[in-house]
Full PDB file with SEQRES, HELIX, SHEET, SSBOND, CRYST1, ORIGX, SCALE, CONECT and MASTER records, all heavy atoms in Angstrom:
SEQRES   1 A   37  ASP GLY ASP THR VAL ILE VAL SER PRO ALA ALA PRO VAL          
SEQRES   2 A   37  ARG PRO GLY ASP GLY VAL VAL VAL LYS THR ARG ASP GLY          
SEQRES   3 A   37  GLU LEU LEU THR ARG ARG LEU LEU ARG ASP THR                  
SHEET    1 AA1 2 GLY A  18  LYS A  22  0                                        
SHEET    2 AA1 2 LEU A  28  ARG A  32 -1                                        
CRYST1    1.000    1.000    1.000  90.00  90.00  90.00 P 1           1          
ORIGX1      1.000000  0.000000  0.000000        0.00000                         
ORIGX2      0.000000  1.000000  0.000000        0.00000                         
ORIGX3      0.000000  0.000000  1.000000        0.00000                         
SCALE1      1.000000  0.000000  0.000000        0.00000                         
SCALE2      0.000000  1.000000  0.000000        0.00000                         
SCALE3      0.000000  0.000000  1.000000        0.00000                         
ATOM      1  N   ASP A   1       0.841  -1.187   0.000  1.00  0.00           N  
ATOM      2  CA  ASP A   1       0.000   0.000   0.000  1.00  0.00           C  
ATOM      3  C   ASP A   1       0.885   1.249   0.000  1.00  0.00           C  
ATOM      4  O   ASP A   1       1.788   1.380   0.836  1.00  0.00           O  
ATOM      5  CB  ASP A   1      -0.909  -0.011   1.228  1.00  0.00           C  
ATOM      6  CG  ASP A   1      -1.805   1.217   1.301  1.00  0.00           C  
ATOM      7  OD1 ASP A   1      -2.588   1.429   0.369  1.00  0.00           O  
ATOM      8  OD2 ASP A   1      -1.692   1.982   2.285  1.00  0.00           O  
ATOM      9  N   GLY A   2       0.657   2.150  -0.935  1.00  0.00           N  
ATOM     10  CA  GLY A   2       1.449   3.364  -1.043  1.00  0.00           C  
ATOM     11  C   GLY A   2       2.562   3.308  -2.057  1.00  0.00           C  
ATOM     12  O   GLY A   2       3.127   4.346  -2.408  1.00  0.00           O  
ATOM     13  N   ASP A   3       2.904   2.116  -2.548  1.00  0.00           N  
ATOM     14  CA  ASP A   3       3.914   2.004  -3.597  1.00  0.00           C  
ATOM     15  C   ASP A   3       3.400   2.589  -4.908  1.00  0.00           C  
ATOM     16  O   ASP A   3       2.190   2.657  -5.157  1.00  0.00           O  
ATOM     17  CB  ASP A   3       4.300   0.544  -3.837  1.00  0.00           C  
ATOM     18  CG  ASP A   3       5.193  -0.019  -2.747  1.00  0.00           C  
ATOM     19  OD1 ASP A   3       5.629   0.748  -1.876  1.00  0.00           O  
ATOM     20  OD2 ASP A   3       5.442  -1.242  -2.780  1.00  0.00           O  
ATOM     21  N   THR A   4       4.329   2.985  -5.761  1.00  0.00           N  
ATOM     22  CA  THR A   4       4.010   3.410  -7.126  1.00  0.00           C  
ATOM     23  C   THR A   4       4.817   2.552  -8.077  1.00  0.00           C  
ATOM     24  O   THR A   4       6.048   2.525  -7.995  1.00  0.00           O  
ATOM     25  CB  THR A   4       4.354   4.893  -7.346  1.00  0.00           C  
ATOM     26  OG1 THR A   4       3.598   5.697  -6.447  1.00  0.00           O  
ATOM     27  CG2 THR A   4       4.038   5.315  -8.779  1.00  0.00           C  
ATOM     28  N   VAL A   5       4.140   1.827  -8.962  1.00  0.00           N  
ATOM     29  CA  VAL A   5       4.858   1.000  -9.934  1.00  0.00           C  
ATOM     30  C   VAL A   5       4.932   1.747 -11.257  1.00  0.00           C  
ATOM     31  O   VAL A   5       3.986   2.411 -11.670  1.00  0.00           O  
ATOM     32  CB  VAL A   5       4.196  -0.385 -10.123  1.00  0.00           C  
ATOM     33  CG1 VAL A   5       4.238  -1.175  -8.830  1.00  0.00           C  
ATOM     34  CG2 VAL A   5       2.767  -0.270 -10.621  1.00  0.00           C  
ATOM     35  N   ILE A   6       6.086   1.645 -11.900  1.00  0.00           N  
ATOM     36  CA  ILE A   6       6.310   2.287 -13.192  1.00  0.00           C  
ATOM     37  C   ILE A   6       6.199   1.218 -14.263  1.00  0.00           C  
ATOM     38  O   ILE A   6       6.865   0.176 -14.200  1.00  0.00           O  
ATOM     39  CB  ILE A   6       7.693   2.959 -13.258  1.00  0.00           C  
ATOM     40  CG1 ILE A   6       7.944   3.798 -11.999  1.00  0.00           C  
ATOM     41  CG2 ILE A   6       7.797   3.806 -14.523  1.00  0.00           C  
ATOM     42  CD1 ILE A   6       6.886   4.835 -11.697  1.00  0.00           C  
ATOM     43  N   VAL A   7       5.362   1.471 -15.256  1.00  0.00           N  
ATOM     44  CA  VAL A   7       5.045   0.486 -16.284  1.00  0.00           C  
ATOM     45  C   VAL A   7       5.519   1.007 -17.636  1.00  0.00           C  
ATOM     46  O   VAL A   7       5.283   2.171 -17.981  1.00  0.00           O  
ATOM     47  CB  VAL A   7       3.531   0.205 -16.335  1.00  0.00           C  
ATOM     48  CG1 VAL A   7       3.210  -0.891 -17.350  1.00  0.00           C  
ATOM     49  CG2 VAL A   7       3.009  -0.169 -14.945  1.00  0.00           C  
ATOM     50  N   SER A   8       6.192   0.143 -18.405  1.00  0.00           N  
ATOM     51  CA  SER A   8       6.714   0.524 -19.708  1.00  0.00           C  
ATOM     52  C   SER A   8       6.097  -0.345 -20.799  1.00  0.00           C  
ATOM     53  O   SER A   8       6.417  -1.533 -20.899  1.00  0.00           O  
ATOM     54  CB  SER A   8       8.235   0.378 -19.744  1.00  0.00           C  
ATOM     55  OG  SER A   8       8.725   0.551 -21.059  1.00  0.00           O  
ATOM     56  N   PRO A   9       5.218   0.209 -21.635  1.00  0.00           N  
ATOM     57  CA  PRO A   9       4.664  -0.572 -22.756  1.00  0.00           C  
ATOM     58  C   PRO A   9       5.720  -1.027 -23.754  1.00  0.00           C  
ATOM     59  O   PRO A   9       5.512  -2.006 -24.472  1.00  0.00           O  
ATOM     60  CB  PRO A   9       3.671   0.404 -23.408  1.00  0.00           C  
ATOM     61  CG  PRO A   9       3.321   1.374 -22.326  1.00  0.00           C  
ATOM     62  CD  PRO A   9       4.579   1.530 -21.520  1.00  0.00           C  
ATOM     63  N   ALA A  10       6.866  -0.326 -23.812  1.00  0.00           N  
ATOM     64  CA  ALA A  10       7.894  -0.664 -24.801  1.00  0.00           C  
ATOM     65  C   ALA A  10       8.873  -1.724 -24.309  1.00  0.00           C  
ATOM     66  O   ALA A  10       9.605  -2.304 -25.115  1.00  0.00           O  
ATOM     67  CB  ALA A  10       8.678   0.595 -25.186  1.00  0.00           C  
ATOM     68  N   ALA A  11       8.899  -1.983 -23.014  1.00  0.00           N  
ATOM     69  CA  ALA A  11       9.890  -2.917 -22.473  1.00  0.00           C  
ATOM     70  C   ALA A  11       9.528  -4.362 -22.835  1.00  0.00           C  
ATOM     71  O   ALA A  11       8.358  -4.751 -22.769  1.00  0.00           O  
ATOM     72  CB  ALA A  11       9.973  -2.776 -20.956  1.00  0.00           C  
ATOM     73  N   PRO A  12      10.510  -5.184 -23.216  1.00  0.00           N  
ATOM     74  CA  PRO A  12      10.227  -6.595 -23.497  1.00  0.00           C  
ATOM     75  C   PRO A  12       9.775  -7.309 -22.230  1.00  0.00           C  
ATOM     76  O   PRO A  12      10.275  -7.027 -21.135  1.00  0.00           O  
ATOM     77  CB  PRO A  12      11.572  -7.135 -23.998  1.00  0.00           C  
ATOM     78  CG  PRO A  12      12.593  -6.193 -23.435  1.00  0.00           C  
ATOM     79  CD  PRO A  12      11.940  -4.845 -23.369  1.00  0.00           C  
ATOM     80  N   VAL A  13       8.816  -8.216 -22.381  1.00  0.00           N  
ATOM     81  CA  VAL A  13       8.271  -8.962 -21.247  1.00  0.00           C  
ATOM     82  C   VAL A  13       8.858 -10.361 -21.238  1.00  0.00           C  
ATOM     83  O   VAL A  13       8.859 -11.055 -22.264  1.00  0.00           O  
ATOM     84  CB  VAL A  13       6.730  -9.024 -21.323  1.00  0.00           C  
ATOM     85  CG1 VAL A  13       6.179  -9.862 -20.182  1.00  0.00           C  
ATOM     86  CG2 VAL A  13       6.142  -7.618 -21.289  1.00  0.00           C  
ATOM     87  N   ARG A  14       9.353 -10.770 -20.075  1.00  0.00           N  
ATOM     88  CA  ARG A  14       9.976 -12.088 -19.931  1.00  0.00           C  
ATOM     89  C   ARG A  14       9.367 -12.808 -18.744  1.00  0.00           C  
ATOM     90  O   ARG A  14       8.854 -12.164 -17.828  1.00  0.00           O  
ATOM     91  CB  ARG A  14      11.487 -11.924 -19.716  1.00  0.00           C  
ATOM     92  CG  ARG A  14      12.202 -11.185 -20.829  1.00  0.00           C  
ATOM     93  CD  ARG A  14      13.507 -10.598 -20.360  1.00  0.00           C  
ATOM     94  NE  ARG A  14      13.300  -9.608 -19.303  1.00  0.00           N  
ATOM     95  CZ  ARG A  14      14.223  -8.745 -18.889  1.00  0.00           C  
ATOM     96  NH1 ARG A  14      15.419  -8.765 -19.443  1.00  0.00           N  
ATOM     97  NH2 ARG A  14      13.975  -7.878 -17.922  1.00  0.00           N  
ATOM     98  N   PRO A  15       9.415 -14.133 -18.720  1.00  0.00           N  
ATOM     99  CA  PRO A  15       8.935 -14.870 -17.548  1.00  0.00           C  
ATOM    100  C   PRO A  15       9.616 -14.376 -16.277  1.00  0.00           C  
ATOM    101  O   PRO A  15      10.815 -14.143 -16.242  1.00  0.00           O  
ATOM    102  CB  PRO A  15       9.310 -16.319 -17.873  1.00  0.00           C  
ATOM    103  CG  PRO A  15       9.292 -16.376 -19.366  1.00  0.00           C  
ATOM    104  CD  PRO A  15       9.829 -15.046 -19.815  1.00  0.00           C  
ATOM    105  N   GLY A  16       8.820 -14.197 -15.254  1.00  0.00           N  
ATOM    106  CA  GLY A  16       9.300 -13.670 -13.991  1.00  0.00           C  
ATOM    107  C   GLY A  16       8.984 -12.198 -13.805  1.00  0.00           C  
ATOM    108  O   GLY A  16       9.031 -11.686 -12.683  1.00  0.00           O  
ATOM    109  N   ASP A  17       8.655 -11.482 -14.893  1.00  0.00           N  
ATOM    110  CA  ASP A  17       8.349 -10.064 -14.802  1.00  0.00           C  
ATOM    111  C   ASP A  17       6.964  -9.830 -14.214  1.00  0.00           C  
ATOM    112  O   ASP A  17       6.024 -10.589 -14.466  1.00  0.00           O  
ATOM    113  CB  ASP A  17       8.391  -9.402 -16.188  1.00  0.00           C  
ATOM    114  CG  ASP A  17       9.793  -9.257 -16.727  1.00  0.00           C  
ATOM    115  OD1 ASP A  17      10.739  -9.247 -15.930  1.00  0.00           O  
ATOM    116  OD2 ASP A  17       9.937  -9.145 -17.966  1.00  0.00           O  
ATOM    117  N   GLY A  18       6.843  -8.735 -13.467  1.00  0.00           N  
ATOM    118  CA  GLY A  18       5.526  -8.226 -13.127  1.00  0.00           C  
ATOM    119  C   GLY A  18       4.937  -7.541 -14.347  1.00  0.00           C  
ATOM    120  O   GLY A  18       5.652  -6.852 -15.084  1.00  0.00           O  
ATOM    121  N   VAL A  19       3.641  -7.738 -14.575  1.00  0.00           N  
ATOM    122  CA  VAL A  19       3.017  -7.209 -15.778  1.00  0.00           C  
ATOM    123  C   VAL A  19       1.643  -6.623 -15.468  1.00  0.00           C  
ATOM    124  O   VAL A  19       0.995  -7.000 -14.489  1.00  0.00           O  
ATOM    125  CB  VAL A  19       2.869  -8.284 -16.884  1.00  0.00           C  
ATOM    126  CG1 VAL A  19       4.223  -8.712 -17.408  1.00  0.00           C  
ATOM    127  CG2 VAL A  19       2.079  -9.487 -16.379  1.00  0.00           C  
ATOM    128  N   VAL A  20       1.241  -5.701 -16.318  1.00  0.00           N  
ATOM    129  CA  VAL A  20      -0.129  -5.208 -16.353  1.00  0.00           C  
ATOM    130  C   VAL A  20      -0.749  -5.733 -17.641  1.00  0.00           C  
ATOM    131  O   VAL A  20      -0.154  -5.594 -18.717  1.00  0.00           O  
ATOM    132  CB  VAL A  20      -0.176  -3.673 -16.312  1.00  0.00           C  
ATOM    133  CG1 VAL A  20      -1.614  -3.180 -16.385  1.00  0.00           C  
ATOM    134  CG2 VAL A  20       0.498  -3.150 -15.044  1.00  0.00           C  
ATOM    135  N   VAL A  21      -1.906  -6.358 -17.527  1.00  0.00           N  
ATOM    136  CA  VAL A  21      -2.533  -7.034 -18.664  1.00  0.00           C  
ATOM    137  C   VAL A  21      -3.940  -6.488 -18.862  1.00  0.00           C  
ATOM    138  O   VAL A  21      -4.701  -6.339 -17.896  1.00  0.00           O  
ATOM    139  CB  VAL A  21      -2.612  -8.557 -18.416  1.00  0.00           C  
ATOM    140  CG1 VAL A  21      -3.349  -9.250 -19.565  1.00  0.00           C  
ATOM    141  CG2 VAL A  21      -1.224  -9.142 -18.241  1.00  0.00           C  
ATOM    142  N   LYS A  22      -4.269  -6.184 -20.094  1.00  0.00           N  
ATOM    143  CA  LYS A  22      -5.635  -5.803 -20.463  1.00  0.00           C  
ATOM    144  C   LYS A  22      -6.221  -6.921 -21.314  1.00  0.00           C  
ATOM    145  O   LYS A  22      -5.664  -7.282 -22.351  1.00  0.00           O  
ATOM    146  CB  LYS A  22      -5.624  -4.497 -21.260  1.00  0.00           C  
ATOM    147  CG  LYS A  22      -7.010  -3.950 -21.569  1.00  0.00           C  
ATOM    148  CD  LYS A  22      -7.593  -3.230 -20.381  1.00  0.00           C  
ATOM    149  CE  LYS A  22      -8.825  -2.417 -20.774  1.00  0.00           C  
ATOM    150  NZ  LYS A  22      -9.325  -1.617 -19.647  1.00  0.00           N  
ATOM    151  N   THR A  23      -7.327  -7.494 -20.874  1.00  0.00           N  
ATOM    152  CA  THR A  23      -7.946  -8.586 -21.616  1.00  0.00           C  
ATOM    153  C   THR A  23      -8.918  -8.027 -22.652  1.00  0.00           C  
ATOM    154  O   THR A  23      -9.328  -6.865 -22.601  1.00  0.00           O  
ATOM    155  CB  THR A  23      -8.691  -9.531 -20.677  1.00  0.00           C  
ATOM    156  OG1 THR A  23      -9.801  -8.834 -20.088  1.00  0.00           O  
ATOM    157  CG2 THR A  23      -7.772 -10.043 -19.575  1.00  0.00           C  
ATOM    158  N   ARG A  24      -9.303  -8.869 -23.578  1.00  0.00           N  
ATOM    159  CA  ARG A  24     -10.230  -8.451 -24.630  1.00  0.00           C  
ATOM    160  C   ARG A  24     -11.590  -8.055 -24.080  1.00  0.00           C  
ATOM    161  O   ARG A  24     -12.309  -7.251 -24.686  1.00  0.00           O  
ATOM    162  CB  ARG A  24     -10.403  -9.577 -25.648  1.00  0.00           C  
ATOM    163  CG  ARG A  24      -9.155  -9.894 -26.463  1.00  0.00           C  
ATOM    164  CD  ARG A  24      -8.852  -8.819 -27.467  1.00  0.00           C  
ATOM    165  NE  ARG A  24      -7.630  -9.105 -28.218  1.00  0.00           N  
ATOM    166  CZ  ARG A  24      -7.050  -8.231 -29.041  1.00  0.00           C  
ATOM    167  NH1 ARG A  24      -7.576  -7.033 -29.214  1.00  0.00           N  
ATOM    168  NH2 ARG A  24      -5.937  -8.552 -29.667  1.00  0.00           N  
ATOM    169  N   ASP A  25     -11.954  -8.623 -22.917  1.00  0.00           N  
ATOM    170  CA  ASP A  25     -13.254  -8.275 -22.329  1.00  0.00           C  
ATOM    171  C   ASP A  25     -13.176  -7.074 -21.399  1.00  0.00           C  
ATOM    172  O   ASP A  25     -14.127  -6.744 -20.685  1.00  0.00           O  
ATOM    173  CB  ASP A  25     -13.873  -9.470 -21.601  1.00  0.00           C  
ATOM    174  CG  ASP A  25     -13.011  -9.976 -20.456  1.00  0.00           C  
ATOM    175  OD1 ASP A  25     -12.025  -9.305 -20.119  1.00  0.00           O  
ATOM    176  OD2 ASP A  25     -13.334 -11.047 -19.910  1.00  0.00           O  
ATOM    177  N   GLY A  26     -12.001  -6.387 -21.374  1.00  0.00           N  
ATOM    178  CA  GLY A  26     -11.879  -5.125 -20.658  1.00  0.00           C  
ATOM    179  C   GLY A  26     -11.335  -5.211 -19.253  1.00  0.00           C  
ATOM    180  O   GLY A  26     -11.199  -4.188 -18.581  1.00  0.00           O  
ATOM    181  N   GLU A  27     -10.966  -6.402 -18.778  1.00  0.00           N  
ATOM    182  CA  GLU A  27     -10.449  -6.538 -17.423  1.00  0.00           C  
ATOM    183  C   GLU A  27      -8.980  -6.121 -17.377  1.00  0.00           C  
ATOM    184  O   GLU A  27      -8.195  -6.460 -18.263  1.00  0.00           O  
ATOM    185  CB  GLU A  27     -10.593  -7.985 -16.954  1.00  0.00           C  
ATOM    186  CG  GLU A  27     -10.266  -8.193 -15.486  1.00  0.00           C  
ATOM    187  CD  GLU A  27     -10.503  -9.617 -15.027  1.00  0.00           C  
ATOM    188  OE1 GLU A  27     -10.781 -10.483 -15.895  1.00  0.00           O  
ATOM    189  OE2 GLU A  27     -10.422  -9.856 -13.807  1.00  0.00           O  
ATOM    190  N   LEU A  28      -8.608  -5.383 -16.336  1.00  0.00           N  
ATOM    191  CA  LEU A  28      -7.215  -4.979 -16.136  1.00  0.00           C  
ATOM    192  C   LEU A  28      -6.636  -5.813 -14.998  1.00  0.00           C  
ATOM    193  O   LEU A  28      -7.159  -5.818 -13.886  1.00  0.00           O  
ATOM    194  CB  LEU A  28      -7.123  -3.491 -15.798  1.00  0.00           C  
ATOM    195  CG  LEU A  28      -5.706  -2.911 -15.776  1.00  0.00           C  
ATOM    196  CD1 LEU A  28      -5.165  -2.771 -17.187  1.00  0.00           C  
ATOM    197  CD2 LEU A  28      -5.686  -1.555 -15.065  1.00  0.00           C  
ATOM    198  N   LEU A  29      -5.544  -6.525 -15.273  1.00  0.00           N  
ATOM    199  CA  LEU A  29      -4.940  -7.428 -14.308  1.00  0.00           C  
ATOM    200  C   LEU A  29      -3.514  -6.997 -14.003  1.00  0.00           C  
ATOM    201  O   LEU A  29      -2.803  -6.522 -14.893  1.00  0.00           O  
ATOM    202  CB  LEU A  29      -4.910  -8.865 -14.848  1.00  0.00           C  
ATOM    203  CG  LEU A  29      -6.232  -9.476 -15.330  1.00  0.00           C  
ATOM    204  CD1 LEU A  29      -5.963 -10.800 -16.033  1.00  0.00           C  
ATOM    205  CD2 LEU A  29      -7.175  -9.669 -14.152  1.00  0.00           C  
ATOM    206  N   THR A  30      -3.090  -7.171 -12.766  1.00  0.00           N  
ATOM    207  CA  THR A  30      -1.680  -7.034 -12.396  1.00  0.00           C  
ATOM    208  C   THR A  30      -1.230  -8.398 -11.906  1.00  0.00           C  
ATOM    209  O   THR A  30      -1.769  -8.938 -10.942  1.00  0.00           O  
ATOM    210  CB  THR A  30      -1.490  -5.970 -11.302  1.00  0.00           C  
ATOM    211  OG1 THR A  30      -2.359  -6.235 -10.204  1.00  0.00           O  
ATOM    212  CG2 THR A  30      -1.761  -4.582 -11.849  1.00  0.00           C  
ATOM    213  N   ARG A  31      -0.232  -8.963 -12.580  1.00  0.00           N  
ATOM    214  CA  ARG A  31       0.197 -10.327 -12.299  1.00  0.00           C  
ATOM    215  C   ARG A  31       1.699 -10.447 -12.518  1.00  0.00           C  
ATOM    216  O   ARG A  31       2.372  -9.511 -12.932  1.00  0.00           O  
ATOM    217  CB  ARG A  31      -0.521 -11.324 -13.234  1.00  0.00           C  
ATOM    218  CG  ARG A  31      -2.035 -11.441 -13.048  1.00  0.00           C  
ATOM    219  CD  ARG A  31      -2.376 -12.166 -11.760  1.00  0.00           C  
ATOM    220  NE  ARG A  31      -3.785 -12.542 -11.687  1.00  0.00           N  
ATOM    221  CZ  ARG A  31      -4.748 -11.747 -11.281  1.00  0.00           C  
ATOM    222  NH1 ARG A  31      -4.476 -10.499 -10.954  1.00  0.00           N  
ATOM    223  NH2 ARG A  31      -6.004 -12.180 -11.216  1.00  0.00           N  
ATOM    224  N   ARG A  32       2.206 -11.645 -12.283  1.00  0.00           N  
ATOM    225  CA  ARG A  32       3.582 -11.993 -12.623  1.00  0.00           C  
ATOM    226  C   ARG A  32       3.530 -13.059 -13.703  1.00  0.00           C  
ATOM    227  O   ARG A  32       2.824 -14.057 -13.566  1.00  0.00           O  
ATOM    228  CB  ARG A  32       4.324 -12.521 -11.394  1.00  0.00           C  
ATOM    229  CG  ARG A  32       5.797 -12.811 -11.648  1.00  0.00           C  
ATOM    230  CD  ARG A  32       6.549 -13.009 -10.339  1.00  0.00           C  
ATOM    231  NE  ARG A  32       6.005 -14.104  -9.561  1.00  0.00           N  
ATOM    232  CZ  ARG A  32       6.367 -15.383  -9.689  1.00  0.00           C  
ATOM    233  NH1 ARG A  32       7.274 -15.719 -10.604  1.00  0.00           N  
ATOM    234  NH2 ARG A  32       5.842 -16.319  -8.950  1.00  0.00           N  
ATOM    235  N   LEU A  33       4.250 -12.823 -14.802  1.00  0.00           N  
ATOM    236  CA  LEU A  33       4.253 -13.777 -15.906  1.00  0.00           C  
ATOM    237  C   LEU A  33       5.104 -14.985 -15.526  1.00  0.00           C  
ATOM    238  O   LEU A  33       6.306 -14.864 -15.326  1.00  0.00           O  
ATOM    239  CB  LEU A  33       4.794 -13.119 -17.180  1.00  0.00           C  
ATOM    240  CG  LEU A  33       4.922 -14.050 -18.396  1.00  0.00           C  
ATOM    241  CD1 LEU A  33       3.569 -14.597 -18.816  1.00  0.00           C  
ATOM    242  CD2 LEU A  33       5.594 -13.313 -19.549  1.00  0.00           C  
ATOM    243  N   LEU A  34       4.459 -16.137 -15.441  1.00  0.00           N  
ATOM    244  CA  LEU A  34       5.181 -17.364 -15.146  1.00  0.00           C  
ATOM    245  C   LEU A  34       5.727 -18.022 -16.398  1.00  0.00           C  
ATOM    246  O   LEU A  34       6.883 -18.441 -16.456  1.00  0.00           O  
ATOM    247  CB  LEU A  34       4.262 -18.360 -14.421  1.00  0.00           C  
ATOM    248  CG  LEU A  34       3.961 -18.125 -12.948  1.00  0.00           C  
ATOM    249  CD1 LEU A  34       3.086 -19.263 -12.425  1.00  0.00           C  
ATOM    250  CD2 LEU A  34       5.231 -18.019 -12.138  1.00  0.00           C  
ATOM    251  N   ARG A  35       4.863 -18.102 -17.427  1.00  0.00           N  
ATOM    252  CA  ARG A  35       5.232 -18.889 -18.608  1.00  0.00           C  
ATOM    253  C   ARG A  35       4.443 -18.419 -19.817  1.00  0.00           C  
ATOM    254  O   ARG A  35       3.258 -18.109 -19.716  1.00  0.00           O  
ATOM    255  CB  ARG A  35       4.948 -20.368 -18.332  1.00  0.00           C  
ATOM    256  CG  ARG A  35       5.438 -21.333 -19.397  1.00  0.00           C  
ATOM    257  CD  ARG A  35       5.407 -22.765 -18.862  1.00  0.00           C  
ATOM    258  NE  ARG A  35       5.698 -23.731 -19.895  1.00  0.00           N  
ATOM    259  CZ  ARG A  35       4.834 -24.636 -20.365  1.00  0.00           C  
ATOM    260  NH1 ARG A  35       3.617 -24.711 -19.862  1.00  0.00           N  
ATOM    261  NH2 ARG A  35       5.191 -25.482 -21.297  1.00  0.00           N  
ATOM    262  N   ASP A  36       5.142 -18.369 -20.941  1.00  0.00           N  
ATOM    263  CA  ASP A  36       4.529 -18.077 -22.239  1.00  0.00           C  
ATOM    264  C   ASP A  36       4.694 -19.316 -23.111  1.00  0.00           C  
ATOM    265  O   ASP A  36       5.806 -19.650 -23.519  1.00  0.00           O  
ATOM    266  CB  ASP A  36       5.204 -16.862 -22.870  1.00  0.00           C  
ATOM    267  CG  ASP A  36       4.675 -16.544 -24.268  1.00  0.00           C  
ATOM    268  OD1 ASP A  36       3.740 -17.223 -24.735  1.00  0.00           O  
ATOM    269  OD2 ASP A  36       5.219 -15.606 -24.894  1.00  0.00           O  
ATOM    270  N   THR A  37       3.582 -19.997 -23.375  1.00  0.00           N  
ATOM    271  CA  THR A  37       3.657 -21.225 -24.165  1.00  0.00           C  
ATOM    272  C   THR A  37       3.522 -20.967 -25.657  1.00  0.00           C  
ATOM    273  O   THR A  37       3.648 -21.894 -26.458  1.00  0.00           O  
ATOM    274  CB  THR A  37       2.555 -22.208 -23.743  1.00  0.00           C  
ATOM    275  OG1 THR A  37       1.271 -21.689 -24.134  1.00  0.00           O  
ATOM    276  CG2 THR A  37       2.572 -22.439 -22.241  1.00  0.00           C  
TER     277      THR A  37                                                      
MASTER        0    0    0    0    2    0    0    6  276    1    0    3          
END                                                                             
């Protein structure tokens, strides 16, 4: 609580990174990418 995260749309995303995700149905998620199959 109180932290500010800086998000870069241009930065490459790799497993282990924290990410912000927008789904096609409009949901905004903050997660950690485990695996890209």
